[in-house]
Amino acid sequence: MKPLPNEIVLRPRFQLDVVGNKEDVLKNFESAAESPFLVKRLDEHIFIKFNEKNNHFWSPQLHLEIDKIDEKNCHLHGVFGPNPTLWTFFMFLHFVIAALFIILGIWGYSSASLNKPYHLQLGLMVMIVILWFALYFFGRGGKQKGKPQMQELYGFMMNVLT
């Protein structure tokens, strides 16, 4: 088993070989729900997240998939990730900003080709690049705020497995 690295990357993944029947491991997770964790099971998938009281904007969640190796062993795939709503919102923002950047680039190129002023378009493109950097640093700050809870989720998972 590889331990969780100190530097948490975006959506870190890990794999573990677990001694135990797949169904027993899944049932252990279902019955192990304790405050502040919420555990949900869908087939061989386990979703662990924080309850409403301990949940904040940057709270991560842990998605586990448990595959059967044989009758006495199984393989666990784990992925840490942000709240799906937050992830979708960030992807939407990046898409809108990228689309605006491309539109302004086309508008600026057309204006330059027609020998019209294009300073407004260039200025707006620079502002969009600055906004992209701001989103990047905002996301990095959020990832830092989610690290302690990520470690809590990992510890909870390891306690259930042992």
N, C-alpha and C. Protein backbone atom coordinates (compact mmCIF):
# COMPACT_ATOMS: atom_id res chain seq x y z
N MET A 1 0.84 -1.18 0.00
CA MET A 1 0.00 0.00 0.00
C MET A 1 0.88 1.24 0.00
N LYS A 2 0.54 2.17 -0.88
CA LYS A 2 1.25 3.44 -0.89
C LYS A 2 0.54 4.39 0.06
N PRO A 3 1.28 5.03 0.97
CA PRO A 3 0.63 6.00 1.87
C PRO A 3 0.21 7.24 1.10
N LEU A 4 -0.71 7.96 1.67
CA LEU A 4 -1.18 9.20 1.07
C LEU A 4 -0.04 10.21 1.11
N PRO A 5 0.34 10.80 -0.04
CA PRO A 5 1.47 11.73 -0.03
C PRO A 5 1.14 13.02 0.71
N ASN A 6 2.19 13.69 1.15
CA ASN A 6 2.00 14.96 1.85
C ASN A 6 1.46 16.03 0.92
N GLU A 7 1.90 16.02 -0.34
CA GLU A 7 1.42 17.00 -1.31
C GLU A 7 0.17 16.43 -1.97
N ILE A 8 -0.97 16.98 -1.63
CA ILE A 8 -2.24 16.52 -2.18
C ILE A 8 -2.43 17.13 -3.56
N VAL A 9 -2.56 16.29 -4.56
CA VAL A 9 -2.76 16.75 -5.93
C VAL A 9 -4.26 16.84 -6.20
N LEU A 10 -4.59 17.44 -7.33
CA LEU A 10 -5.99 17.54 -7.71
C LEU A 10 -6.54 16.14 -7.93
N ARG A 11 -7.60 15.80 -7.23
CA ARG A 11 -8.26 14.50 -7.31
C ARG A 11 -7.26 13.34 -7.15
N PRO A 12 -6.56 13.27 -6.01
CA PRO A 12 -5.60 12.19 -5.80
C PRO A 12 -6.28 10.82 -5.77
N ARG A 13 -5.59 9.85 -6.29
CA ARG A 13 -6.10 8.48 -6.38
C ARG A 13 -5.16 7.54 -5.64
N PHE A 14 -5.71 6.45 -5.17
CA PHE A 14 -4.89 5.42 -4.53
C PHE A 14 -5.57 4.08 -4.71
N GLN A 15 -4.80 3.00 -4.50
CA GLN A 15 -5.32 1.64 -4.60
C GLN A 15 -4.79 0.83 -3.43
N LEU A 16 -5.64 -0.05 -2.91
CA LEU A 16 -5.25 -0.91 -1.81
C LEU A 16 -5.76 -2.33 -2.07
N ASP A 17 -4.98 -3.31 -1.67
CA ASP A 17 -5.46 -4.69 -1.64
C ASP A 17 -5.94 -4.95 -0.22
N VAL A 18 -7.17 -5.39 -0.09
CA VAL A 18 -7.80 -5.58 1.22
C VAL A 18 -8.08 -7.06 1.44
N VAL A 19 -7.72 -7.55 2.62
CA VAL A 19 -8.04 -8.93 2.98
C VAL A 19 -9.47 -8.94 3.51
N GLY A 20 -10.32 -9.68 2.86
CA GLY A 20 -11.71 -9.75 3.27
C GLY A 20 -12.62 -9.89 2.05
N ASN A 21 -13.75 -10.50 2.28
CA ASN A 21 -14.74 -10.66 1.23
C ASN A 21 -15.27 -9.29 0.81
N LYS A 22 -15.50 -9.12 -0.47
CA LYS A 22 -15.98 -7.83 -1.00
C LYS A 22 -17.26 -7.38 -0.32
N GLU A 23 -18.23 -8.28 -0.19
CA GLU A 23 -19.52 -7.91 0.43
C GLU A 23 -19.35 -7.54 1.90
N ASP A 24 -18.46 -8.25 2.59
CA ASP A 24 -18.21 -7.91 4.00
C ASP A 24 -17.60 -6.52 4.13
N VAL A 25 -16.67 -6.19 3.26
CA VAL A 25 -16.04 -4.86 3.30
C VAL A 25 -17.08 -3.78 2.99
N LEU A 26 -17.93 -4.03 1.99
CA LEU A 26 -18.97 -3.06 1.66
C LEU A 26 -19.94 -2.86 2.83
N LYS A 27 -20.31 -3.96 3.49
CA LYS A 27 -21.22 -3.86 4.64
C LYS A 27 -20.56 -3.15 5.82
N ASN A 28 -19.24 -3.35 5.98
CA ASN A 28 -18.51 -2.64 7.04
C ASN A 28 -18.61 -1.13 6.84
N PHE A 29 -18.48 -0.70 5.60
CA PHE A 29 -18.58 0.74 5.33
C PHE A 29 -20.00 1.23 5.56
N GLU A 30 -20.99 0.47 5.14
CA GLU A 30 -22.39 0.88 5.34
C GLU A 30 -22.72 1.05 6.81
N SER A 31 -22.24 0.16 7.63
CA SER A 31 -22.58 0.21 9.05
C SER A 31 -21.65 1.10 9.87
N ALA A 32 -20.59 1.63 9.24
CA ALA A 32 -19.60 2.41 9.99
C ALA A 32 -19.89 3.91 10.01
N ALA A 33 -20.99 4.33 9.45
CA ALA A 33 -21.28 5.77 9.40
C ALA A 33 -21.32 6.34 10.81
N GLU A 34 -20.49 7.30 11.07
CA GLU A 34 -20.43 7.96 12.37
C GLU A 34 -20.19 9.44 12.13
N SER A 35 -20.58 10.24 13.08
CA SER A 35 -20.40 11.68 12.94
C SER A 35 -18.91 11.98 12.87
N PRO A 36 -18.46 12.82 12.01
CA PRO A 36 -19.13 13.71 11.10
C PRO A 36 -19.26 13.17 9.68
N PHE A 37 -19.16 11.86 9.49
CA PHE A 37 -19.13 11.29 8.14
C PHE A 37 -20.50 10.76 7.72
N LEU A 38 -20.80 10.92 6.45
CA LEU A 38 -21.97 10.32 5.82
C LEU A 38 -21.45 9.31 4.82
N VAL A 39 -21.98 8.10 4.88
CA VAL A 39 -21.53 7.03 3.99
C VAL A 39 -22.73 6.57 3.18
N LYS A 40 -22.55 6.54 1.86
CA LYS A 40 -23.60 6.05 0.96
C LYS A 40 -23.01 4.98 0.07
N ARG A 41 -23.82 3.98 -0.20
CA ARG A 41 -23.37 2.87 -1.04
C ARG A 41 -24.27 2.77 -2.25
N LEU A 42 -23.65 2.56 -3.42
CA LEU A 42 -24.35 2.30 -4.66
C LEU A 42 -23.61 1.16 -5.34
N ASP A 43 -24.18 -0.04 -5.29
CA ASP A 43 -23.54 -1.26 -5.79
C ASP A 43 -22.19 -1.44 -5.10
N GLU A 44 -21.07 -1.45 -5.86
CA GLU A 44 -19.77 -1.61 -5.22
C GLU A 44 -19.04 -0.28 -5.04
N HIS A 45 -19.79 0.80 -5.08
CA HIS A 45 -19.24 2.13 -4.87
C HIS A 45 -19.64 2.66 -3.49
N ILE A 46 -18.68 3.26 -2.81
CA ILE A 46 -18.91 3.87 -1.50
C ILE A 46 -18.54 5.35 -1.62
N PHE A 47 -19.43 6.21 -1.17
CA PHE A 47 -19.18 7.66 -1.16
C PHE A 47 -19.16 8.12 0.30
N ILE A 48 -18.06 8.71 0.71
CA ILE A 48 -17.91 9.20 2.08
C ILE A 48 -17.72 10.72 2.01
N LYS A 49 -18.58 11.43 2.72
CA LYS A 49 -18.45 12.88 2.78
C LYS A 49 -18.80 13.35 4.18
N PHE A 50 -18.68 14.63 4.41
CA PHE A 50 -18.94 15.21 5.72
C PHE A 50 -20.40 15.61 5.84
N ASN A 51 -20.92 15.53 7.08
CA ASN A 51 -22.31 15.92 7.30
C ASN A 51 -22.45 17.44 7.15
N GLU A 52 -23.68 17.90 7.17
CA GLU A 52 -23.99 19.31 6.93
C GLU A 52 -23.26 20.24 7.91
N LYS A 53 -23.16 19.82 9.17
CA LYS A 53 -22.54 20.66 10.20
C LYS A 53 -21.05 20.87 9.94
N ASN A 54 -20.34 19.85 9.48
CA ASN A 54 -18.90 19.92 9.27
C ASN A 54 -18.52 20.22 7.82
N ASN A 55 -19.51 20.37 6.99
CA ASN A 55 -19.26 20.62 5.57
C ASN A 55 -19.07 22.10 5.32
N HIS A 56 -18.03 22.46 4.59
CA HIS A 56 -17.84 23.84 4.17
C HIS A 56 -17.66 23.86 2.65
N PHE A 57 -17.50 25.04 2.09
CA PHE A 57 -17.45 25.20 0.64
C PHE A 57 -16.40 24.29 -0.01
N TRP A 58 -15.26 24.09 0.66
CA TRP A 58 -14.16 23.33 0.08
C TRP A 58 -14.07 21.90 0.59
N SER A 59 -15.08 21.40 1.28
CA SER A 59 -15.01 20.05 1.83
C SER A 59 -14.88 19.00 0.72
N PRO A 60 -13.91 18.09 0.86
CA PRO A 60 -13.74 17.03 -0.12
C PRO A 60 -14.67 15.86 0.18
N GLN A 61 -14.72 14.93 -0.74
CA GLN A 61 -15.40 13.67 -0.49
C GLN A 61 -14.52 12.56 -1.05
N LEU A 62 -14.77 11.35 -0.56
CA LEU A 62 -13.97 10.20 -0.95
C LEU A 62 -14.87 9.19 -1.65
N HIS A 63 -14.47 8.80 -2.85
CA HIS A 63 -15.21 7.80 -3.62
C HIS A 63 -14.37 6.53 -3.66
N LEU A 64 -14.95 5.44 -3.18
CA LEU A 64 -14.25 4.15 -3.18
C LEU A 64 -14.99 3.18 -4.09
N GLU A 65 -14.23 2.39 -4.83
CA GLU A 65 -14.80 1.30 -5.63
C GLU A 65 -14.09 0.04 -5.20
N ILE A 66 -14.87 -0.97 -4.86
CA ILE A 66 -14.30 -2.21 -4.34
C ILE A 66 -14.58 -3.33 -5.33
N ASP A 67 -13.50 -3.95 -5.82
CA ASP A 67 -13.58 -5.03 -6.79
C ASP A 67 -13.13 -6.34 -6.15
N LYS A 68 -13.78 -7.41 -6.53
CA LYS A 68 -13.48 -8.74 -6.00
C LYS A 68 -12.25 -9.30 -6.71
N ILE A 69 -11.30 -9.80 -5.92
CA ILE A 69 -10.15 -10.52 -6.48
C ILE A 69 -10.45 -12.02 -6.41
N ASP A 70 -10.74 -12.49 -5.21
CA ASP A 70 -11.20 -13.87 -4.99
C ASP A 70 -12.12 -13.86 -3.77
N GLU A 71 -12.42 -15.01 -3.22
CA GLU A 71 -13.38 -15.09 -2.11
C GLU A 71 -12.89 -14.43 -0.83
N LYS A 72 -11.57 -14.29 -0.67
CA LYS A 72 -11.04 -13.75 0.58
C LYS A 72 -10.28 -12.43 0.42
N ASN A 73 -10.25 -11.90 -0.79
CA ASN A 73 -9.50 -10.66 -1.04
C ASN A 73 -10.27 -9.76 -2.01
N CYS A 74 -10.06 -8.48 -1.86
CA CYS A 74 -10.65 -7.52 -2.79
C CYS A 74 -9.68 -6.36 -3.01
N HIS A 75 -9.97 -5.60 -4.03
CA HIS A 75 -9.11 -4.47 -4.41
C HIS A 75 -9.92 -3.18 -4.30
N LEU A 76 -9.36 -2.19 -3.64
CA LEU A 76 -10.06 -0.93 -3.40
C LEU A 76 -9.40 0.18 -4.23
N HIS A 77 -10.21 0.90 -4.99
CA HIS A 77 -9.76 2.07 -5.74
C HIS A 77 -10.38 3.29 -5.07
N GLY A 78 -9.57 4.27 -4.70
CA GLY A 78 -10.08 5.46 -4.03
C GLY A 78 -9.72 6.73 -4.78
N VAL A 79 -10.65 7.68 -4.79
CA VAL A 79 -10.44 8.98 -5.42
C VAL A 79 -10.98 10.07 -4.49
N PHE A 80 -10.13 11.02 -4.14
CA PHE A 80 -10.57 12.20 -3.41
C PHE A 80 -11.00 13.24 -4.42
N GLY A 81 -12.07 13.92 -4.13
CA GLY A 81 -12.51 14.96 -5.05
C GLY A 81 -13.35 16.00 -4.35
N PRO A 82 -13.56 17.10 -5.04
CA PRO A 82 -14.40 18.15 -4.47
C PRO A 82 -15.87 17.77 -4.58
N ASN A 83 -16.70 18.55 -3.96
CA ASN A 83 -18.14 18.40 -4.10
C ASN A 83 -18.47 18.48 -5.60
N PRO A 84 -19.26 17.56 -6.15
CA PRO A 84 -19.56 17.60 -7.58
C PRO A 84 -20.20 18.92 -8.04
N THR A 85 -20.98 19.55 -7.18
CA THR A 85 -21.57 20.83 -7.55
C THR A 85 -20.49 21.90 -7.70
N LEU A 86 -19.54 21.92 -6.78
CA LEU A 86 -18.44 22.88 -6.86
C LEU A 86 -17.59 22.61 -8.09
N TRP A 87 -17.29 21.35 -8.36
CA TRP A 87 -16.49 20.97 -9.52
C TRP A 87 -17.17 21.43 -10.81
N THR A 88 -18.47 21.19 -10.92
CA THR A 88 -19.22 21.60 -12.10
C THR A 88 -19.21 23.12 -12.25
N PHE A 89 -19.39 23.83 -11.13
CA PHE A 89 -19.37 25.29 -11.17
C PHE A 89 -18.03 25.81 -11.67
N PHE A 90 -16.92 25.26 -11.17
CA PHE A 90 -15.60 25.70 -11.62
C PHE A 90 -15.39 25.39 -13.10
N MET A 91 -15.82 24.23 -13.55
CA MET A 91 -15.66 23.90 -14.97
C MET A 91 -16.50 24.84 -15.84
N PHE A 92 -17.69 25.17 -15.38
CA PHE A 92 -18.55 26.11 -16.11
C PHE A 92 -17.88 27.48 -16.19
N LEU A 93 -17.33 27.96 -15.07
CA LEU A 93 -16.64 29.25 -15.09
C LEU A 93 -15.46 29.24 -16.06
N HIS A 94 -14.68 28.19 -16.05
CA HIS A 94 -13.54 28.10 -16.97
C HIS A 94 -14.00 28.06 -18.41
N PHE A 95 -15.08 27.36 -18.68
CA PHE A 95 -15.61 27.31 -20.05
C PHE A 95 -16.07 28.69 -20.50
N VAL A 96 -16.81 29.40 -19.66
CA VAL A 96 -17.31 30.74 -20.02
C VAL A 96 -16.14 31.70 -20.24
N ILE A 97 -15.15 31.65 -19.37
CA ILE A 97 -13.99 32.54 -19.49
C ILE A 97 -13.21 32.22 -20.77
N ALA A 98 -13.03 30.94 -21.07
CA ALA A 98 -12.32 30.56 -22.30
C ALA A 98 -13.10 31.01 -23.53
N ALA A 99 -14.42 30.84 -23.52
CA ALA A 99 -15.24 31.27 -24.65
C ALA A 99 -15.15 32.79 -24.84
N LEU A 100 -15.21 33.55 -23.74
CA LEU A 100 -15.08 35.01 -23.83
C LEU A 100 -13.71 35.41 -24.38
N PHE A 101 -12.68 34.72 -23.95
CA PHE A 101 -11.33 35.01 -24.43
C PHE A 101 -11.24 34.79 -25.94
N ILE A 102 -11.80 33.70 -26.42
CA ILE A 102 -11.77 33.40 -27.86
C ILE A 102 -12.60 34.43 -28.63
N ILE A 103 -13.76 34.76 -28.11
CA ILE A 103 -14.62 35.74 -28.79
C ILE A 103 -13.91 37.10 -28.86
N LEU A 104 -13.31 37.52 -27.76
CA LEU A 104 -12.58 38.79 -27.78
C LEU A 104 -11.38 38.75 -28.73
N GLY A 105 -10.72 37.60 -28.81
CA GLY A 105 -9.61 37.45 -29.74
C GLY A 105 -10.07 37.59 -31.19
N ILE A 106 -11.19 36.96 -31.51
CA ILE A 106 -11.73 37.07 -32.87
C ILE A 106 -12.16 38.50 -33.16
N TRP A 107 -12.82 39.12 -32.21
CA TRP A 107 -13.27 40.51 -32.36
C TRP A 107 -12.06 41.44 -32.54
N GLY A 108 -11.04 41.23 -31.73
CA GLY A 108 -9.83 42.06 -31.83
C GLY A 108 -9.12 41.86 -33.15
N TYR A 109 -9.02 40.62 -33.61
CA TYR A 109 -8.37 40.34 -34.89
C TYR A 109 -9.16 40.97 -36.04
N SER A 110 -10.48 40.87 -35.98
CA SER A 110 -11.33 41.48 -37.01
C SER A 110 -11.15 42.99 -37.03
N SER A 111 -11.12 43.60 -35.85
CA SER A 111 -10.93 45.05 -35.77
C SER A 111 -9.56 45.46 -36.31
N ALA A 112 -8.53 44.67 -35.97
CA ALA A 112 -7.19 44.99 -36.46
C ALA A 112 -7.12 44.82 -37.98
N SER A 113 -7.77 43.80 -38.52
CA SER A 113 -7.78 43.57 -39.96
C SER A 113 -8.49 44.68 -40.71
N LEU A 114 -9.49 45.30 -40.07
CA LEU A 114 -10.26 46.37 -40.69
C LEU A 114 -9.68 47.75 -40.35
N ASN A 115 -8.48 47.76 -39.76
CA ASN A 115 -7.81 49.00 -39.37
C ASN A 115 -8.66 49.85 -38.43
N LYS A 116 -9.36 49.19 -37.54
CA LYS A 116 -10.14 49.87 -36.51
C LYS A 116 -9.42 49.69 -35.17
N PRO A 117 -9.73 50.54 -34.20
CA PRO A 117 -9.06 50.38 -32.89
C PRO A 117 -9.46 49.05 -32.22
N TYR A 118 -8.48 48.42 -31.61
CA TYR A 118 -8.71 47.13 -30.95
C TYR A 118 -8.15 47.11 -29.53
N HIS A 119 -7.93 48.27 -28.96
CA HIS A 119 -7.38 48.37 -27.60
C HIS A 119 -8.36 47.84 -26.56
N LEU A 120 -9.64 48.07 -26.76
CA LEU A 120 -10.65 47.57 -25.81
C LEU A 120 -10.59 46.04 -25.72
N GLN A 121 -10.52 45.40 -26.88
CA GLN A 121 -10.49 43.93 -26.90
C GLN A 121 -9.23 43.39 -26.22
N LEU A 122 -8.08 44.02 -26.50
CA LEU A 122 -6.83 43.58 -25.87
C LEU A 122 -6.89 43.80 -24.36
N GLY A 123 -7.43 44.93 -23.94
CA GLY A 123 -7.56 45.20 -22.51
C GLY A 123 -8.44 44.19 -21.82
N LEU A 124 -9.57 43.84 -22.46
CA LEU A 124 -10.47 42.85 -21.88
C LEU A 124 -9.82 41.46 -21.85
N MET A 125 -9.03 41.14 -22.88
CA MET A 125 -8.33 39.85 -22.88
C MET A 125 -7.31 39.77 -21.74
N VAL A 126 -6.62 40.87 -21.47
CA VAL A 126 -5.68 40.90 -20.35
C VAL A 126 -6.43 40.72 -19.03
N MET A 127 -7.59 41.37 -18.91
CA MET A 127 -8.39 41.22 -17.69
C MET A 127 -8.85 39.77 -17.52
N ILE A 128 -9.18 39.10 -18.61
CA ILE A 128 -9.61 37.70 -18.53
C ILE A 128 -8.45 36.81 -18.08
N VAL A 129 -7.25 37.10 -18.58
CA VAL A 129 -6.08 36.32 -18.14
C VAL A 129 -5.85 36.53 -16.64
N ILE A 130 -6.00 37.75 -16.18
CA ILE A 130 -5.86 38.04 -14.74
C ILE A 130 -6.95 37.29 -13.96
N LEU A 131 -8.16 37.25 -14.49
CA LEU A 131 -9.25 36.51 -13.85
C LEU A 131 -8.94 35.02 -13.79
N TRP A 132 -8.34 34.48 -14.85
CA TRP A 132 -7.94 33.07 -14.85
C TRP A 132 -6.94 32.79 -13.72
N PHE A 133 -5.95 33.67 -13.58
CA PHE A 133 -4.99 33.50 -12.50
C PHE A 133 -5.66 33.59 -11.13
N ALA A 134 -6.61 34.52 -11.00
CA ALA A 134 -7.32 34.66 -9.73
C ALA A 134 -8.10 33.38 -9.41
N LEU A 135 -8.76 32.80 -10.41
CA LEU A 135 -9.48 31.53 -10.20
C LEU A 135 -8.51 30.42 -9.80
N TYR A 136 -7.34 30.40 -10.43
CA TYR A 136 -6.34 29.38 -10.10
C TYR A 136 -5.92 29.48 -8.63
N PHE A 137 -5.58 30.70 -8.19
CA PHE A 137 -5.14 30.87 -6.81
C PHE A 137 -6.28 30.67 -5.82
N PHE A 138 -7.50 31.01 -6.22
CA PHE A 138 -8.67 30.75 -5.40
C PHE A 138 -8.84 29.24 -5.20
N GLY A 139 -8.68 28.48 -6.27
CA GLY A 139 -8.77 27.01 -6.19
C GLY A 139 -7.66 26.41 -5.36
N ARG A 140 -6.44 26.93 -5.49
CA ARG A 140 -5.32 26.44 -4.68
C ARG A 140 -5.57 26.69 -3.19
N GLY A 141 -6.10 27.86 -2.89
CA GLY A 141 -6.43 28.17 -1.49
C GLY A 141 -7.48 27.24 -0.95
N GLY A 142 -8.47 26.92 -1.76
CA GLY A 142 -9.52 25.98 -1.35
C GLY A 142 -8.98 24.59 -1.13
N LYS A 143 -8.05 24.19 -1.98
CA LYS A 143 -7.44 22.87 -1.82
C LYS A 143 -6.69 22.79 -0.49
N GLN A 144 -6.01 23.87 -0.12
CA GLN A 144 -5.32 23.91 1.17
C GLN A 144 -6.31 23.79 2.32
N LYS A 145 -7.48 24.44 2.19
CA LYS A 145 -8.48 24.36 3.25
C LYS A 145 -9.09 22.97 3.35
N GLY A 146 -9.10 22.22 2.26
CA GLY A 146 -9.68 20.88 2.26
C GLY A 146 -8.72 19.78 2.70
N LYS A 147 -7.42 20.07 2.78
CA LYS A 147 -6.44 19.04 3.13
C LYS A 147 -6.70 18.36 4.47
N PRO A 148 -6.98 19.11 5.55
CA PRO A 148 -7.21 18.43 6.83
C PRO A 148 -8.40 17.47 6.77
N GLN A 149 -9.46 17.86 6.09
CA GLN A 149 -10.62 16.97 5.97
C GLN A 149 -10.31 15.77 5.08
N MET A 150 -9.42 15.96 4.10
CA MET A 150 -9.02 14.84 3.27
C MET A 150 -8.29 13.79 4.11
N GLN A 151 -7.44 14.26 5.01
CA GLN A 151 -6.74 13.35 5.91
C GLN A 151 -7.72 12.65 6.85
N GLU A 152 -8.75 13.37 7.31
CA GLU A 152 -9.78 12.76 8.16
C GLU A 152 -10.52 11.65 7.42
N LEU A 153 -10.87 11.91 6.16
CA LEU A 153 -11.57 10.89 5.36
C LEU A 153 -10.69 9.66 5.19
N TYR A 154 -9.42 9.88 4.91
CA TYR A 154 -8.50 8.76 4.73
C TYR A 154 -8.37 7.96 6.03
N GLY A 155 -8.25 8.66 7.16
CA GLY A 155 -8.16 7.98 8.45
C GLY A 155 -9.40 7.18 8.77
N PHE A 156 -10.58 7.74 8.48
CA PHE A 156 -11.85 7.03 8.69
C PHE A 156 -11.89 5.76 7.84
N MET A 157 -11.48 5.88 6.58
CA MET A 157 -11.47 4.71 5.69
C MET A 157 -10.53 3.63 6.23
N MET A 158 -9.36 4.02 6.69
CA MET A 158 -8.40 3.05 7.21
C MET A 158 -8.93 2.39 8.48
N ASN A 159 -9.64 3.15 9.33
CA ASN A 159 -10.22 2.57 10.55
C ASN A 159 -11.29 1.53 10.20
N VAL A 160 -12.07 1.80 9.19
CA VAL A 160 -13.12 0.85 8.80
C VAL A 160 -12.47 -0.42 8.22
N LEU A 161 -11.39 -0.26 7.49
CA LEU A 161 -10.73 -1.42 6.86
C LEU A 161 -9.99 -2.28 7.87
N THR A 162 -9.57 -1.72 9.00
CA THR A 162 -8.80 -2.53 9.97
C THR A 162 -9.70 -3.12 11.04
